[in-house]
Amino acid sequence: MVGKPLTAASIQYKDVRKVVEKLLAEGWTLRKEGHGARLYCPCEGGCTTIPVAGTPRNEGNLAKRITKMAQRCPLPPDGPNRSLTGLSRE
């Protein structure tokens, strides 16, 4: 993981903040990455990472996409949908 840890309060869009708050309560980690942030799942080996845009075109669609991607966790180690960026978390 790279970047400094963030809280849900750092997300300025209401719909996205609600989803991020829920995921943080479930053990996910939010870290600064470029202009936005990235969510890391709490699974051993980090099977899923989710980018959170700093300035999304449509905040409702971003919130839905984050929710949908979070539902994929946990994935089996050999799952084809497993995030390649989440395999080497430390």
PDB file of N, CA and C in Angstrom:
ATOM      1  N   MET A   1       0.846  -1.180   0.000  1.00  0.00           N
ATOM      2  CA  MET A   1       0.000   0.000   0.000  1.00  0.00           C
ATOM      3  C   MET A   1       0.886   1.236   0.000  1.00  0.00           C
ATOM      4  N   VAL A   2       0.457   2.213  -0.725  1.00  0.00           N
ATOM      5  CA  VAL A   2       1.189   3.463  -0.790  1.00  0.00           C
ATOM      6  C   VAL A   2       0.280   4.601  -0.390  1.00  0.00           C
ATOM      7  N   GLY A   3       0.864   5.751  -0.106  1.00  0.00           N
ATOM      8  CA  GLY A   3       0.064   6.909   0.252  1.00  0.00           C
ATOM      9  C   GLY A   3      -0.316   6.918   1.709  1.00  0.00           C
ATOM     10  N   LYS A   4      -0.690   8.094   2.171  1.00  0.00           N
ATOM     11  CA  LYS A   4      -1.071   8.224   3.581  1.00  0.00           C
ATOM     12  C   LYS A   4      -2.506   7.742   3.789  1.00  0.00           C
ATOM     13  N   PRO A   5      -2.793   7.202   4.967  1.00  0.00           N
ATOM     14  CA  PRO A   5      -4.158   6.759   5.267  1.00  0.00           C
ATOM     15  C   PRO A   5      -5.120   7.949   5.299  1.00  0.00           C
ATOM     16  N   LEU A   6      -6.332   7.719   4.827  1.00  0.00           N
ATOM     17  CA  LEU A   6      -7.365   8.755   4.816  1.00  0.00           C
ATOM     18  C   LEU A   6      -8.581   8.286   5.596  1.00  0.00           C
ATOM     19  N   THR A   7      -9.444   9.244   5.944  1.00  0.00           N
ATOM     20  CA  THR A   7     -10.726   8.904   6.558  1.00  0.00           C
ATOM     21  C   THR A   7     -11.822   9.198   5.535  1.00  0.00           C
ATOM     22  N   ALA A   8     -13.019   8.736   5.816  1.00  0.00           N
ATOM     23  CA  ALA A   8     -14.139   8.976   4.912  1.00  0.00           C
ATOM     24  C   ALA A   8     -14.451  10.468   4.809  1.00  0.00           C
ATOM     25  N   ALA A   9     -14.103  11.246   5.832  1.00  0.00           N
ATOM     26  CA  ALA A   9     -14.374  12.682   5.818  1.00  0.00           C
ATOM     27  C   ALA A   9     -13.598  13.392   4.708  1.00  0.00           C
ATOM     28  N   SER A  10     -12.545  12.778   4.213  1.00  0.00           N
ATOM     29  CA  SER A  10     -11.747  13.398   3.155  1.00  0.00           C
ATOM     30  C   SER A  10     -12.411  13.277   1.783  1.00  0.00           C
ATOM     31  N   ILE A  11     -13.473  12.473   1.679  1.00  0.00           N
ATOM     32  CA  ILE A  11     -14.234  12.328   0.430  1.00  0.00           C
ATOM     33  C   ILE A  11     -15.292  13.418   0.402  1.00  0.00           C
ATOM     34  N   GLN A  12     -15.272  14.270  -0.618  1.00  0.00           N
ATOM     35  CA  GLN A  12     -16.180  15.418  -0.629  1.00  0.00           C
ATOM     36  C   GLN A  12     -17.553  15.130  -1.225  1.00  0.00           C
ATOM     37  N   TYR A  13     -17.744  13.983  -1.853  1.00  0.00           N
ATOM     38  CA  TYR A  13     -19.022  13.668  -2.489  1.00  0.00           C
ATOM     39  C   TYR A  13     -19.846  12.768  -1.572  1.00  0.00           C
ATOM     40  N   LYS A  14     -21.071  13.219  -1.253  1.00  0.00           N
ATOM     41  CA  LYS A  14     -21.914  12.576  -0.240  1.00  0.00           C
ATOM     42  C   LYS A  14     -22.180  11.106  -0.509  1.00  0.00           C
ATOM     43  N   ASP A  15     -22.592  10.746  -1.727  1.00  0.00           N
ATOM     44  CA  ASP A  15     -22.920   9.353  -2.038  1.00  0.00           C
ATOM     45  C   ASP A  15     -21.699   8.455  -1.906  1.00  0.00           C
ATOM     46  N   VAL A  16     -20.574   8.933  -2.387  1.00  0.00           N
ATOM     47  CA  VAL A  16     -19.333   8.154  -2.322  1.00  0.00           C
ATOM     48  C   VAL A  16     -18.881   8.040  -0.871  1.00  0.00           C
ATOM     49  N   ARG A  17     -18.997   9.127  -0.094  1.00  0.00           N
ATOM     50  CA  ARG A  17     -18.582   9.110   1.305  1.00  0.00           C
ATOM     51  C   ARG A  17     -19.365   8.071   2.102  1.00  0.00           C
ATOM     52  N   LYS A  18     -20.680   7.950   1.839  1.00  0.00           N
ATOM     53  CA  LYS A  18     -21.502   6.966   2.555  1.00  0.00           C
ATOM     54  C   LYS A  18     -20.996   5.550   2.301  1.00  0.00           C
ATOM     55  N   VAL A  19     -20.687   5.246   1.045  1.00  0.00           N
ATOM     56  CA  VAL A  19     -20.193   3.907   0.691  1.00  0.00           C
ATOM     57  C   VAL A  19     -18.835   3.663   1.337  1.00  0.00           C
ATOM     58  N   VAL A  20     -17.960   4.658   1.291  1.00  0.00           N
ATOM     59  CA  VAL A  20     -16.622   4.511   1.871  1.00  0.00           C
ATOM     60  C   VAL A  20     -16.710   4.338   3.389  1.00  0.00           C
ATOM     61  N   GLU A  21     -17.582   5.089   4.055  1.00  0.00           N
ATOM     62  CA  GLU A  21     -17.764   4.946   5.503  1.00  0.00           C
ATOM     63  C   GLU A  21     -18.170   3.514   5.851  1.00  0.00           C
ATOM     64  N   LYS A  22     -19.089   2.955   5.079  1.00  0.00           N
ATOM     65  CA  LYS A  22     -19.556   1.595   5.320  1.00  0.00           C
ATOM     66  C   LYS A  22     -18.406   0.592   5.152  1.00  0.00           C
ATOM     67  N   LEU A  23     -17.621   0.768   4.098  1.00  0.00           N
ATOM     68  CA  LEU A  23     -16.513  -0.152   3.853  1.00  0.00           C
ATOM     69  C   LEU A  23     -15.418  -0.009   4.907  1.00  0.00           C
ATOM     70  N   LEU A  24     -15.131   1.208   5.342  1.00  0.00           N
ATOM     71  CA  LEU A  24     -14.128   1.398   6.386  1.00  0.00           C
ATOM     72  C   LEU A  24     -14.561   0.724   7.687  1.00  0.00           C
ATOM     73  N   ALA A  25     -15.863   0.759   7.979  1.00  0.00           N
ATOM     74  CA  ALA A  25     -16.389   0.097   9.174  1.00  0.00           C
ATOM     75  C   ALA A  25     -16.239  -1.424   9.070  1.00  0.00           C
ATOM     76  N   GLU A  26     -16.200  -1.935   7.838  1.00  0.00           N
ATOM     77  CA  GLU A  26     -16.046  -3.378   7.615  1.00  0.00           C
ATOM     78  C   GLU A  26     -14.581  -3.794   7.580  1.00  0.00           C
ATOM     79  N   GLY A  27     -13.653  -2.848   7.758  1.00  0.00           N
ATOM     80  CA  GLY A  27     -12.244  -3.197   7.814  1.00  0.00           C
ATOM     81  C   GLY A  27     -11.411  -2.816   6.598  1.00  0.00           C
ATOM     82  N   TRP A  28     -12.018  -2.210   5.600  1.00  0.00           N
ATOM     83  CA  TRP A  28     -11.278  -1.772   4.423  1.00  0.00           C
ATOM     84  C   TRP A  28     -10.370  -0.613   4.820  1.00  0.00           C
ATOM     85  N   THR A  29      -9.331  -0.352   4.017  1.00  0.00           N
ATOM     86  CA  THR A  29      -8.393   0.733   4.251  1.00  0.00           C
ATOM     87  C   THR A  29      -8.465   1.711   3.088  1.00  0.00           C
ATOM     88  N   LEU A  30      -8.476   3.000   3.376  1.00  0.00           N
ATOM     89  CA  LEU A  30      -8.502   4.042   2.349  1.00  0.00           C
ATOM     90  C   LEU A  30      -7.181   4.779   2.398  1.00  0.00           C
ATOM     91  N   ARG A  31      -6.511   4.854   1.244  1.00  0.00           N
ATOM     92  CA  ARG A  31      -5.216   5.536   1.169  1.00  0.00           C
ATOM     93  C   ARG A  31      -5.192   6.506   0.001  1.00  0.00           C
ATOM     94  N   LYS A  32      -4.449   7.599   0.179  1.00  0.00           N
ATOM     95  CA  LYS A  32      -4.286   8.611  -0.854  1.00  0.00           C
ATOM     96  C   LYS A  32      -3.518   8.012  -2.026  1.00  0.00           C
ATOM     97  N   GLU A  33      -3.981   8.311  -3.234  1.00  0.00           N
ATOM     98  CA  GLU A  33      -3.292   7.851  -4.435  1.00  0.00           C
ATOM     99  C   GLU A  33      -3.522   8.860  -5.545  1.00  0.00           C
ATOM    100  N   GLY A  34      -2.497   9.599  -5.908  1.00  0.00           N
ATOM    101  CA  GLY A  34      -2.629  10.602  -6.961  1.00  0.00           C
ATOM    102  C   GLY A  34      -3.639  11.669  -6.578  1.00  0.00           C
ATOM    103  N   HIS A  35      -4.568  11.948  -7.486  1.00  0.00           N
ATOM    104  CA  HIS A  35      -5.590  12.959  -7.246  1.00  0.00           C
ATOM    105  C   HIS A  35      -6.751  12.407  -6.424  1.00  0.00           C
ATOM    106  N   GLY A  36      -6.866  11.099  -6.355  1.00  0.00           N
ATOM    107  CA  GLY A  36      -7.971  10.466  -5.632  1.00  0.00           C
ATOM    108  C   GLY A  36      -7.458   9.607  -4.496  1.00  0.00           C
ATOM    109  N   ALA A  37      -8.037   8.421  -4.373  1.00  0.00           N
ATOM    110  CA  ALA A  37      -7.674   7.494  -3.307  1.00  0.00           C
ATOM    111  C   ALA A  37      -7.898   6.069  -3.807  1.00  0.00           C
ATOM    112  N   ARG A  38      -7.543   5.104  -2.982  1.00  0.00           N
ATOM    113  CA  ARG A  38      -7.759   3.699  -3.314  1.00  0.00           C
ATOM    114  C   ARG A  38      -8.168   2.974  -2.043  1.00  0.00           C
ATOM    115  N   LEU A  39      -9.186   2.118  -2.177  1.00  0.00           N
ATOM    116  CA  LEU A  39      -9.650   1.269  -1.084  1.00  0.00           C
ATOM    117  C   LEU A  39      -8.958  -0.092  -1.190  1.00  0.00           C
ATOM    118  N   TYR A  40      -8.489  -0.615  -0.061  1.00  0.00           N
ATOM    119  CA  TYR A  40      -7.856  -1.930  -0.008  1.00  0.00           C
ATOM    120  C   TYR A  40      -8.704  -2.836   0.873  1.00  0.00           C
ATOM    121  N   CYS A  41      -8.977  -4.037   0.383  1.00  0.00           N
ATOM    122  CA  CYS A  41      -9.828  -4.959   1.143  1.00  0.00           C
ATOM    123  C   CYS A  41      -9.069  -5.507   2.354  1.00  0.00           C
ATOM    124  N   PRO A  42      -9.802  -5.998   3.341  1.00  0.00           N
ATOM    125  CA  PRO A  42      -9.168  -6.503   4.555  1.00  0.00           C
ATOM    126  C   PRO A  42      -8.681  -7.950   4.447  1.00  0.00           C
ATOM    127  N   CYS A  43      -8.856  -8.585   3.300  1.00  0.00           N
ATOM    128  CA  CYS A  43      -8.471  -9.986   3.146  1.00  0.00           C
ATOM    129  C   CYS A  43      -6.959 -10.180   3.194  1.00  0.00           C
ATOM    130  N   GLU A  44      -6.557 -11.342   3.632  1.00  0.00           N
ATOM    131  CA  GLU A  44      -5.143 -11.717   3.589  1.00  0.00           C
ATOM    132  C   GLU A  44      -4.711 -11.754   2.135  1.00  0.00           C
ATOM    133  N   GLY A  45      -3.672 -11.053   1.787  1.00  0.00           N
ATOM    134  CA  GLY A  45      -3.196 -11.033   0.417  1.00  0.00           C
ATOM    135  C   GLY A  45      -3.844  -9.964  -0.430  1.00  0.00           C
ATOM    136  N   GLY A  46      -4.818  -9.256   0.089  1.00  0.00           N
ATOM    137  CA  GLY A  46      -5.441  -8.139  -0.617  1.00  0.00           C
ATOM    138  C   GLY A  46      -6.000  -8.502  -1.973  1.00  0.00           C
ATOM    139  N   CYS A  47      -7.109  -9.199  -2.005  1.00  0.00           N
ATOM    140  CA  CYS A  47      -7.650  -9.667  -3.278  1.00  0.00           C
ATOM    141  C   CYS A  47      -8.290  -8.560  -4.100  1.00  0.00           C
ATOM    142  N   THR A  48      -8.722  -7.466  -3.469  1.00  0.00           N
ATOM    143  CA  THR A  48      -9.434  -6.428  -4.205  1.00  0.00           C
ATOM    144  C   THR A  48      -8.929  -5.043  -3.815  1.00  0.00           C
ATOM    145  N   THR A  49      -8.654  -4.215  -4.818  1.00  0.00           N
ATOM    146  CA  THR A  49      -8.389  -2.800  -4.581  1.00  0.00           C
ATOM    147  C   THR A  49      -9.344  -2.015  -5.472  1.00  0.00           C
ATOM    148  N   ILE A  50      -9.837  -0.899  -4.958  1.00  0.00           N
ATOM    149  CA  ILE A  50     -10.840  -0.125  -5.680  1.00  0.00           C
ATOM    150  C   ILE A  50     -10.379   1.328  -5.767  1.00  0.00           C
ATOM    151  N   PRO A  51     -10.219   1.858  -6.985  1.00  0.00           N
ATOM    152  CA  PRO A  51      -9.863   3.268  -7.116  1.00  0.00           C
ATOM    153  C   PRO A  51     -11.071   4.164  -6.808  1.00  0.00           C
ATOM    154  N   VAL A  52     -10.809   5.260  -6.106  1.00  0.00           N
ATOM    155  CA  VAL A  52     -11.846   6.238  -5.785  1.00  0.00           C
ATOM    156  C   VAL A  52     -11.416   7.555  -6.433  1.00  0.00           C
ATOM    157  N   ALA A  53     -12.127   7.964  -7.459  1.00  0.00           N
ATOM    158  CA  ALA A  53     -11.763   9.171  -8.209  1.00  0.00           C
ATOM    159  C   ALA A  53     -11.879  10.416  -7.341  1.00  0.00           C
ATOM    160  N   GLY A  54     -10.942  11.325  -7.511  1.00  0.00           N
ATOM    161  CA  GLY A  54     -10.976  12.581  -6.774  1.00  0.00           C
ATOM    162  C   GLY A  54     -12.075  13.500  -7.276  1.00  0.00           C
ATOM    163  N   THR A  55     -12.321  13.480  -8.590  1.00  0.00           N
ATOM    164  CA  THR A  55     -13.384  14.288  -9.185  1.00  0.00           C
ATOM    165  C   THR A  55     -14.151  13.430 -10.186  1.00  0.00           C
ATOM    166  N   PRO A  56     -15.101  12.637  -9.687  1.00  0.00           N
ATOM    167  CA  PRO A  56     -15.854  11.763 -10.592  1.00  0.00           C
ATOM    168  C   PRO A  56     -16.803  12.551 -11.486  1.00  0.00           C
ATOM    169  N   ARG A  57     -17.083  12.010 -12.671  1.00  0.00           N
ATOM    170  CA  ARG A  57     -18.053  12.654 -13.564  1.00  0.00           C
ATOM    171  C   ARG A  57     -19.452  12.559 -12.985  1.00  0.00           C
ATOM    172  N   ASN A  58     -19.761  11.417 -12.351  1.00  0.00           N
ATOM    173  CA  ASN A  58     -21.083  11.202 -11.781  1.00  0.00           C
ATOM    174  C   ASN A  58     -20.891  10.471 -10.454  1.00  0.00           C
ATOM    175  N   GLU A  59     -21.120  11.170  -9.347  1.00  0.00           N
ATOM    176  CA  GLU A  59     -20.844  10.572  -8.043  1.00  0.00           C
ATOM    177  C   GLU A  59     -21.741   9.373  -7.725  1.00  0.00           C
ATOM    178  N   GLY A  60     -22.967   9.377  -8.221  1.00  0.00           N
ATOM    179  CA  GLY A  60     -23.867   8.242  -7.997  1.00  0.00           C
ATOM    180  C   GLY A  60     -23.355   6.985  -8.673  1.00  0.00           C
ATOM    181  N   ASN A  61     -22.876   7.131  -9.906  1.00  0.00           N
ATOM    182  CA  ASN A  61     -22.325   5.970 -10.614  1.00  0.00           C
ATOM    183  C   ASN A  61     -21.049   5.466  -9.948  1.00  0.00           C
ATOM    184  N   LEU A  62     -20.209   6.377  -9.452  1.00  0.00           N
ATOM    185  CA  LEU A  62     -18.994   5.952  -8.761  1.00  0.00           C
ATOM    186  C   LEU A  62     -19.347   5.180  -7.494  1.00  0.00           C
ATOM    187  N   ALA A  63     -20.329   5.657  -6.743  1.00  0.00           N
ATOM    188  CA  ALA A  63     -20.743   4.965  -5.520  1.00  0.00           C
ATOM    189  C   ALA A  63     -21.258   3.559  -5.843  1.00  0.00           C
ATOM    190  N   LYS A  64     -22.036   3.428  -6.925  1.00  0.00           N
ATOM    191  CA  LYS A  64     -22.539   2.104  -7.327  1.00  0.00           C
ATOM    192  C   LYS A  64     -21.404   1.184  -7.748  1.00  0.00           C
ATOM    193  N   ARG A  65     -20.425   1.742  -8.482  1.00  0.00           N
ATOM    194  CA  ARG A  65     -19.300   0.930  -8.952  1.00  0.00           C
ATOM    195  C   ARG A  65     -18.449   0.447  -7.776  1.00  0.00           C
ATOM    196  N   ILE A  66     -18.221   1.313  -6.793  1.00  0.00           N
ATOM    197  CA  ILE A  66     -17.447   0.928  -5.611  1.00  0.00           C
ATOM    198  C   ILE A  66     -18.170  -0.180  -4.860  1.00  0.00           C
ATOM    199  N   THR A  67     -19.485  -0.037  -4.692  1.00  0.00           N
ATOM    200  CA  THR A  67     -20.279  -1.061  -3.999  1.00  0.00           C
ATOM    201  C   THR A  67     -20.204  -2.395  -4.726  1.00  0.00           C
ATOM    202  N   LYS A  68     -20.363  -2.356  -6.049  1.00  0.00           N
ATOM    203  CA  LYS A  68     -20.330  -3.581  -6.843  1.00  0.00           C
ATOM    204  C   LYS A  68     -18.959  -4.259  -6.765  1.00  0.00           C
ATOM    205  N   MET A  69     -17.897  -3.476  -6.840  1.00  0.00           N
ATOM    206  CA  MET A  69     -16.552  -4.045  -6.767  1.00  0.00           C
ATOM    207  C   MET A  69     -16.261  -4.614  -5.377  1.00  0.00           C
ATOM    208  N   ALA A  70     -16.778  -3.964  -4.339  1.00  0.00           N
ATOM    209  CA  ALA A  70     -16.555  -4.436  -2.970  1.00  0.00           C
ATOM    210  C   ALA A  70     -17.258  -5.765  -2.724  1.00  0.00           C
ATOM    211  N   GLN A  71     -18.354  -6.013  -3.419  1.00  0.00           N
ATOM    212  CA  GLN A  71     -19.077  -7.271  -3.252  1.00  0.00           C
ATOM    213  C   GLN A  71     -18.303  -8.458  -3.804  1.00  0.00           C
ATOM    214  N   ARG A  72     -17.297  -8.216  -4.648  1.00  0.00           N
ATOM    215  CA  ARG A  72     -16.481  -9.301  -5.191  1.00  0.00           C
ATOM    216  C   ARG A  72     -15.526  -9.875  -4.147  1.00  0.00           C
ATOM    217  N   CYS A  73     -15.293  -9.182  -3.086  1.00  0.00           N
ATOM    218  CA  CYS A  73     -14.356  -9.606  -2.053  1.00  0.00           C
ATOM    219  C   CYS A  73     -15.090 -10.498  -1.051  1.00  0.00           C
ATOM    220  N   PRO A  74     -14.563 -11.610  -0.600  1.00  0.00           N
ATOM    221  CA  PRO A  74     -13.261 -12.178  -0.948  1.00  0.00           C
ATOM    222  C   PRO A  74     -13.341 -13.047  -2.202  1.00  0.00           C
ATOM    223  N   LEU A  75     -12.297 -13.000  -2.960  1.00  0.00           N
ATOM    224  CA  LEU A  75     -12.180 -13.806  -4.170  1.00  0.00           C
ATOM    225  C   LEU A  75     -11.227 -14.961  -3.910  1.00  0.00           C
ATOM    226  N   PRO A  76     -11.430 -16.081  -4.585  1.00  0.00           N
ATOM    227  CA  PRO A  76     -10.469 -17.177  -4.436  1.00  0.00           C
ATOM    228  C   PRO A  76      -9.115 -16.748  -5.014  1.00  0.00           C
ATOM    229  N   PRO A  77      -8.002 -17.290  -4.495  1.00  0.00           N
ATOM    230  CA  PRO A  77      -6.679 -16.885  -4.956  1.00  0.00           C
ATOM    231  C   PRO A  77      -6.465 -17.011  -6.461  1.00  0.00           C
ATOM    232  N   ASP A  78      -7.140 -17.956  -7.095  1.00  0.00           N
ATOM    233  CA  ASP A  78      -6.948 -18.141  -8.538  1.00  0.00           C
ATOM    234  C   ASP A  78      -8.105 -17.547  -9.347  1.00  0.00           C
ATOM    235  N   GLY A  79      -8.935 -16.705  -8.729  1.00  0.00           N
ATOM    236  CA  GLY A  79     -10.088 -16.104  -9.406  1.00  0.00           C
ATOM    237  C   GLY A  79      -9.667 -15.171 -10.535  1.00  0.00           C
ATOM    238  N   PRO A  80     -10.342 -15.239 -11.681  1.00  0.00           N
ATOM    239  CA  PRO A  80      -9.961 -14.392 -12.811  1.00  0.00           C
ATOM    240  C   PRO A  80     -10.271 -12.910 -12.594  1.00  0.00           C
ATOM    241  N   ASN A  81     -11.161 -12.572 -11.671  1.00  0.00           N
ATOM    242  CA  ASN A  81     -11.518 -11.176 -11.403  1.00  0.00           C
ATOM    243  C   ASN A  81     -10.632 -10.546 -10.337  1.00  0.00           C
ATOM    244  N   ARG A  82      -9.689 -11.288  -9.818  1.00  0.00           N
ATOM    245  CA  ARG A  82      -8.840 -10.798  -8.745  1.00  0.00           C
ATOM    246  C   ARG A  82      -7.984  -9.638  -9.246  1.00  0.00           C
ATOM    247  N   SER A  83      -7.890  -8.596  -8.445  1.00  0.00           N
ATOM    248  CA  SER A  83      -7.136  -7.403  -8.827  1.00  0.00           C
ATOM    249  C   SER A  83      -5.640  -7.686  -8.819  1.00  0.00           C
ATOM    250  N   LEU A  84      -4.972  -7.400  -9.913  1.00  0.00           N
ATOM    251  CA  LEU A  84      -3.537  -7.629  -9.981  1.00  0.00           C
ATOM    252  C   LEU A  84      -2.772  -6.688  -9.056  1.00  0.00           C
ATOM    253  N   THR A  85      -3.291  -5.496  -8.819  1.00  0.00           N
ATOM    254  CA  THR A  85      -2.600  -4.550  -7.957  1.00  0.00           C
ATOM    255  C   THR A  85      -2.729  -4.941  -6.493  1.00  0.00           C
ATOM    256  N   GLY A  86      -3.681  -5.758  -6.141  1.00  0.00           N
ATOM    257  CA  GLY A  86      -3.870  -6.130  -4.751  1.00  0.00           C
ATOM    258  C   GLY A  86      -3.046  -7.317  -4.319  1.00  0.00           C
ATOM    259  N   LEU A  87      -2.355  -7.971  -5.231  1.00  0.00           N
ATOM    260  CA  LEU A  87      -1.619  -9.182  -4.871  1.00  0.00           C
ATOM    261  C   LEU A  87      -0.360  -8.916  -4.070  1.00  0.00           C
ATOM    262  N   SER A  88       0.238  -7.767  -4.237  1.00  0.00           N
ATOM    263  CA  SER A  88       1.510  -7.508  -3.558  1.00  0.00           C
ATOM    264  C   SER A  88       1.366  -6.384  -2.535  1.00  0.00           C
ATOM    265  N   ARG A  89       0.353  -6.468  -1.690  1.00  0.00           N
ATOM    266  CA  ARG A  89       0.130  -5.438  -0.656  1.00  0.00           C
ATOM    267  C   ARG A  89       1.065  -5.654   0.502  1.00  0.00           C
ATOM    268  N   GLU A  90       1.683  -4.609   0.960  1.00  0.00           N
ATOM    269  CA  GLU A  90       2.461  -4.645   2.197  1.00  0.00           C
ATOM    270  C   GLU A  90       2.635  -3.283   2.734  1.00  0.00           C
TER     271      GLU A  90
END
